[in-house]
Amino acid sequence: MDFSIIVQQKVSSIGVARSASLPLKLFLALVLGSLSGISFLGRVAIAKPVQSSALSAEQKLDRMFSSDIRTTLNSCVKQGGVNLAAGADRDGSIICGNGWHKSPVKFTTYVNTLTDFETAGVLLGFQAGVKSSPNYKPELLTAFMNSFETSGKLRQAVQGFVTIAVVKPGLLPKDSTQSASFLTDRILQRSRPFLQNSTKFENLLGMPDEYGVIAENFCAAPGMSTTQAKKLAPNLDSVQMFAICFQESGLADAVTQEVGRSNRAKR
């Protein structure tokens, strides 16, 4: 599928979400997160050149991370996705959607890796969205998020993101709403410390020296585990590490440009 078509599909989903009164801040998060999930799996075929920045970003992201992380994120993609609702097998491993039980990937490892990977996409997209608004003030973030979550709209937005970014590409079984709900809860849990703390939210990508060391050693192949990367940047958590990789790939900038181009075309 053409990358530009995928972007347009996600932008068109923005219009649908807008009718449900979801703020623009989360629209970009859904776009960024869905593109990051789909392109990482290598399930998107570029049929023709599109905007060079978008193409370059996708290619860079496809080449990032250690082989272990890539293997974990691609678990069960040919066996119906990972059945999160089933929990861990007796040996602690994941169970695939078609019932396959012989994966070497542990359930806890898969859940933590996928959750952090997708949470990073949501947060980075959300950050790009709110910072593009001239009315954004860090001190207003907590009050806004509390209202947004109380109304149930935050969960609604993240649930939609999970459907686009995780279920449709085949990471989770398409007929398992329980698996999607399980991941939605995990993403919300991992996102809250950032979305309810303006200082942590503003520091999503860490300090310049932390950004550099993670980009060079964790993001770039051959990469390393989050545990190893933690020794290089002890003040960052794994969500921030994945967010740095998304930022380093240029995907956030490419999506922002594409959304802006689409909006201008509709005027």
Protein backbone atom coordinates (compact mmCIF):
# COMPACT_ATOMS: atom_id res chain seq x y z
CA MET A 1 0.00 0.00 0.00
CA ASP A 2 1.22 3.49 -0.87
CA PHE A 3 2.55 5.35 2.17
CA SER A 4 0.79 8.56 1.07
CA ILE A 5 -2.52 6.68 0.95
CA ILE A 6 -1.93 5.42 4.50
CA VAL A 7 -1.25 8.95 5.69
CA GLN A 8 -4.39 10.19 3.95
CA GLN A 9 -6.42 7.41 5.57
CA LYS A 10 -5.20 8.44 9.00
CA VAL A 11 -5.87 12.10 8.22
CA SER A 12 -9.40 11.20 7.08
CA SER A 13 -9.89 9.42 10.41
CA ILE A 14 -9.12 12.77 12.03
CA GLY A 15 -12.27 14.15 10.48
CA VAL A 16 -14.30 11.30 11.95
CA ALA A 17 -12.79 11.80 15.38
CA ARG A 18 -13.39 15.55 15.17
CA SER A 19 -17.12 14.93 14.88
CA ALA A 20 -16.91 13.16 18.22
CA SER A 21 -15.38 16.31 19.78
CA LEU A 22 -11.96 14.79 20.32
CA PRO A 23 -9.33 17.56 20.41
CA LEU A 24 -6.77 17.92 17.66
CA LYS A 25 -3.96 17.20 20.11
CA LEU A 26 -4.77 13.50 20.04
CA PHE A 27 -5.47 13.31 16.32
CA LEU A 28 -1.80 13.67 15.53
CA ALA A 29 -0.98 11.10 18.19
CA LEU A 30 -3.21 8.60 16.43
CA VAL A 31 -1.63 9.41 13.07
CA LEU A 32 1.92 9.16 14.36
CA GLY A 33 1.30 6.04 16.40
CA SER A 34 -0.53 4.19 13.65
CA LEU A 35 2.16 4.95 11.10
CA SER A 36 4.94 3.94 13.46
CA GLY A 37 3.28 0.61 14.19
CA ILE A 38 2.50 -0.22 10.58
CA SER A 39 5.81 0.78 9.06
CA PHE A 40 7.84 -1.03 11.70
CA LEU A 41 6.27 -4.34 10.76
CA GLY A 42 7.40 -3.89 7.20
CA ARG A 43 3.84 -4.49 6.01
CA VAL A 44 3.73 -1.29 3.96
CA ALA A 45 4.97 -1.45 0.38
CA ILE A 46 5.97 1.89 -1.11
CA ALA A 47 4.51 1.79 -4.60
CA LYS A 48 5.78 5.17 -5.74
CA PRO A 49 7.79 8.07 -4.30
CA VAL A 50 5.89 10.34 -1.99
CA GLN A 51 7.25 13.22 0.04
CA SER A 52 10.93 12.50 0.54
CA SER A 53 10.84 13.33 4.25
CA ALA A 54 8.10 10.75 4.90
CA LEU A 55 9.82 8.06 2.85
CA SER A 56 13.14 8.67 4.58
CA ALA A 57 11.50 8.56 8.00
CA GLU A 58 9.87 5.22 7.33
CA GLN A 59 13.09 3.73 6.00
CA LYS A 60 15.05 4.95 9.01
CA LEU A 61 12.51 3.54 11.46
CA ASP A 62 12.55 0.17 9.71
CA ARG A 63 16.29 -0.05 10.33
CA MET A 64 16.22 0.83 14.00
CA PHE A 65 16.39 -1.24 17.20
CA SER A 66 18.08 -4.46 18.17
CA SER A 67 17.15 -7.76 16.58
CA ASP A 68 15.63 -8.89 19.89
CA ILE A 69 13.29 -5.90 20.03
CA ARG A 70 12.29 -6.35 16.40
CA THR A 71 11.66 -10.05 16.95
CA THR A 72 9.55 -9.33 20.02
CA LEU A 73 7.41 -6.72 18.25
CA ASN A 74 6.88 -9.03 15.28
CA SER A 75 5.76 -11.97 17.43
CA CYS A 76 2.85 -14.00 16.05
CA VAL A 77 2.26 -11.71 13.05
CA LYS A 78 1.91 -14.85 10.91
CA GLN A 79 -0.14 -16.69 13.55
CA GLY A 80 -2.99 -14.25 14.06
CA GLY A 81 -1.29 -11.83 16.42
CA VAL A 82 -0.58 -12.19 20.12
CA ASN A 83 -3.56 -13.20 22.24
CA LEU A 84 -3.08 -10.89 25.21
CA ALA A 85 -6.45 -11.90 26.65
CA ALA A 86 -5.20 -15.46 27.07
CA GLY A 87 -2.35 -14.36 29.28
CA ALA A 88 0.92 -16.28 29.54
CA ASP A 89 1.33 -19.91 28.63
CA ARG A 90 2.46 -22.35 31.33
CA ASP A 91 6.10 -21.60 30.55
CA GLY A 92 5.50 -17.84 30.66
CA SER A 93 5.54 -17.37 26.87
CA ILE A 94 2.99 -15.66 24.66
CA ILE A 95 0.10 -17.48 22.98
CA CYS A 96 -0.68 -16.62 19.36
CA GLY A 97 -4.13 -15.88 18.00
CA ASN A 98 -4.33 -19.19 16.16
CA GLY A 99 -3.43 -21.11 19.30
CA TRP A 100 0.27 -21.60 18.53
CA HIS A 101 2.17 -22.12 21.80
CA LYS A 102 5.83 -22.43 20.86
CA SER A 103 7.02 -18.82 20.80
CA PRO A 104 10.30 -18.12 22.62
CA VAL A 105 9.06 -14.65 23.57
CA LYS A 106 7.88 -14.27 27.15
CA PHE A 107 4.47 -12.71 27.76
CA THR A 108 5.83 -10.06 30.13
CA THR A 109 8.58 -9.09 27.69
CA TYR A 110 6.11 -8.75 24.84
CA VAL A 111 3.58 -6.71 26.81
CA ASN A 112 6.21 -4.33 28.19
CA THR A 113 7.94 -3.85 24.84
CA LEU A 114 4.78 -3.33 22.80
CA THR A 115 3.26 -1.04 25.43
CA ASP A 116 6.33 1.17 25.63
CA PHE A 117 6.75 1.24 21.85
CA GLU A 118 3.16 2.31 21.21
CA THR A 119 3.00 4.67 24.21
CA ALA A 120 6.02 6.50 22.82
CA GLY A 121 4.18 7.02 19.54
CA VAL A 122 1.09 8.35 21.31
CA LEU A 123 3.06 10.72 23.54
CA LEU A 124 5.32 12.05 20.81
CA GLY A 125 2.37 12.69 18.53
CA PHE A 126 0.47 14.31 21.37
CA GLN A 127 3.46 16.50 22.18
CA ALA A 128 3.87 17.57 18.56
CA GLY A 129 0.17 18.39 18.41
CA VAL A 130 -0.07 20.52 21.55
CA LYS A 131 3.18 22.34 20.89
CA SER A 132 1.95 23.33 17.44
CA SER A 133 -0.89 25.23 19.10
CA PRO A 134 -0.12 28.90 19.82
CA ASN A 135 -2.34 28.68 22.90
CA TYR A 136 -0.45 25.80 24.50
CA LYS A 137 0.94 26.42 27.96
CA PRO A 138 2.64 23.62 29.95
CA GLU A 139 0.86 24.61 33.14
CA LEU A 140 -2.52 23.90 31.52
CA LEU A 141 -1.64 20.31 30.61
CA THR A 142 -2.68 18.63 33.87
CA ALA A 143 -6.06 20.34 34.07
CA PHE A 144 -6.78 19.54 30.44
CA MET A 145 -5.83 15.87 30.79
CA ASN A 146 -7.84 15.42 33.98
CA SER A 147 -10.91 16.74 32.21
CA PHE A 148 -10.20 14.69 29.11
CA GLU A 149 -9.81 11.46 31.07
CA THR A 150 -12.79 12.07 33.34
CA SER A 151 -15.00 12.44 30.28
CA GLY A 152 -13.77 9.12 28.92
CA LYS A 153 -12.44 10.74 25.73
CA LEU A 154 -8.82 9.84 26.45
CA ARG A 155 -9.63 6.15 26.58
CA GLN A 156 -11.77 6.50 23.48
CA ALA A 157 -8.87 8.06 21.61
CA VAL A 158 -6.31 5.49 22.74
CA GLN A 159 -8.72 2.64 21.95
CA GLY A 160 -9.02 4.03 18.43
CA PHE A 161 -5.26 4.26 18.19
CA VAL A 162 -4.85 0.63 19.25
CA THR A 163 -7.30 -0.45 16.54
CA ILE A 164 -5.42 1.45 13.82
CA ALA A 165 -1.85 0.92 14.96
CA VAL A 166 -1.92 -2.55 16.50
CA VAL A 167 -4.99 -4.60 15.59
CA LYS A 168 -5.25 -3.78 11.88
CA PRO A 169 -1.54 -4.50 11.17
CA GLY A 170 -1.94 -7.92 12.83
CA LEU A 171 -0.06 -7.50 16.10
CA LEU A 172 -3.20 -8.53 18.01
CA PRO A 173 -6.05 -10.84 16.94
CA LYS A 174 -8.65 -8.90 14.96
CA ASP A 175 -11.53 -10.66 16.74
CA SER A 176 -10.22 -10.17 20.29
CA THR A 177 -11.64 -7.00 21.79
CA GLN A 178 -10.27 -8.15 25.15
CA SER A 179 -6.70 -8.08 23.82
CA ALA A 180 -7.22 -4.56 22.47
CA SER A 181 -8.72 -3.42 25.77
CA PHE A 182 -5.82 -4.98 27.67
CA LEU A 183 -3.29 -3.00 25.61
CA THR A 184 -5.37 0.18 25.81
CA ASP A 185 -5.28 -0.03 29.60
CA ARG A 186 -1.52 -0.53 29.57
CA ILE A 187 -0.91 2.43 27.25
CA LEU A 188 -3.10 4.65 29.41
CA GLN A 189 -1.23 3.51 32.49
CA ARG A 190 2.16 4.29 30.93
CA SER A 191 0.99 7.61 29.48
CA ARG A 192 -0.50 9.11 32.63
CA PRO A 193 2.79 9.97 34.40
CA PHE A 194 3.72 12.09 31.36
CA LEU A 195 0.31 13.57 30.61
CA GLN A 196 -0.33 14.54 34.22
CA ASN A 197 3.08 16.10 34.83
CA SER A 198 4.01 19.02 32.60
CA THR A 199 7.72 18.80 33.50
CA LYS A 200 7.90 15.11 32.58
CA PHE A 201 5.86 15.76 29.45
CA GLU A 202 8.16 18.57 28.33
CA ASN A 203 11.17 16.33 28.97
CA LEU A 204 9.84 13.39 26.95
CA LEU A 205 12.95 13.36 24.76
CA GLY A 206 15.36 13.87 27.64
CA MET A 207 18.31 16.25 27.78
CA PRO A 208 20.47 16.77 24.67
CA ASP A 209 23.24 14.48 25.90
CA GLU A 210 20.70 11.76 26.82
CA TYR A 211 19.01 12.08 23.44
CA GLY A 212 22.35 11.69 21.67
CA VAL A 213 23.49 8.61 23.54
CA ILE A 214 20.14 6.84 23.09
CA ALA A 215 19.90 7.73 19.40
CA GLU A 216 23.40 6.41 18.78
CA ASN A 217 23.34 3.27 20.91
CA PHE A 218 19.72 2.18 21.38
CA CYS A 219 17.97 3.37 18.22
CA ALA A 220 20.67 2.74 15.66
CA ALA A 221 21.38 -0.85 14.68
CA PRO A 222 22.66 -3.14 16.05
CA GLY A 223 21.01 -1.48 19.03
CA MET A 224 20.72 -2.84 22.56
CA SER A 225 18.15 -3.76 25.17
CA THR A 226 16.38 -1.12 27.23
CA THR A 227 18.20 -2.48 30.28
CA GLN A 228 21.56 -1.85 28.63
CA ALA A 229 20.44 1.58 27.43
CA LYS A 230 19.33 2.45 30.95
CA LYS A 231 22.96 2.22 32.07
CA LEU A 232 23.86 4.91 29.53
CA ALA A 233 20.95 7.20 30.42
CA PRO A 234 19.76 6.24 33.93
CA ASN A 235 17.27 9.11 34.17
CA LEU A 236 15.26 7.99 31.12
CA ASP A 237 12.69 5.22 31.04
CA SER A 238 12.01 2.94 28.11
CA VAL A 239 9.07 4.97 26.79
CA GLN A 240 11.37 7.96 26.44
CA MET A 241 13.94 5.82 24.65
CA PHE A 242 11.44 4.70 22.02
CA ALA A 243 10.18 8.28 21.70
CA ILE A 244 13.72 9.43 20.94
CA CYS A 245 13.93 6.82 18.19
CA PHE A 246 10.67 7.99 16.63
CA GLN A 247 11.90 11.56 16.77
CA GLU A 248 15.30 10.61 15.39
CA SER A 249 13.68 8.84 12.43
CA GLY A 250 11.98 12.08 11.43
CA LEU A 251 8.56 10.44 11.49
CA ALA A 252 6.99 13.05 13.77
CA ASP A 253 8.12 15.90 11.51
CA ALA A 254 7.01 14.03 8.38
CA VAL A 255 3.54 13.35 9.77
CA THR A 256 3.18 16.95 10.99
CA GLN A 257 4.05 18.19 7.51
CA GLU A 258 1.64 15.75 5.89
CA VAL A 259 -1.22 16.74 8.18
CA GLY A 260 -0.48 20.41 7.49
CA ARG A 261 -0.40 19.78 3.74
CA SER A 262 -3.74 17.96 3.91
CA ASN A 263 -5.33 20.75 5.91
CA ARG A 264 -4.15 23.37 3.45
CA ALA A 265 -5.50 21.31 0.53
CA LYS A 266 -8.96 21.25 2.12
CA ARG A 267 -9.18 25.02 2.41
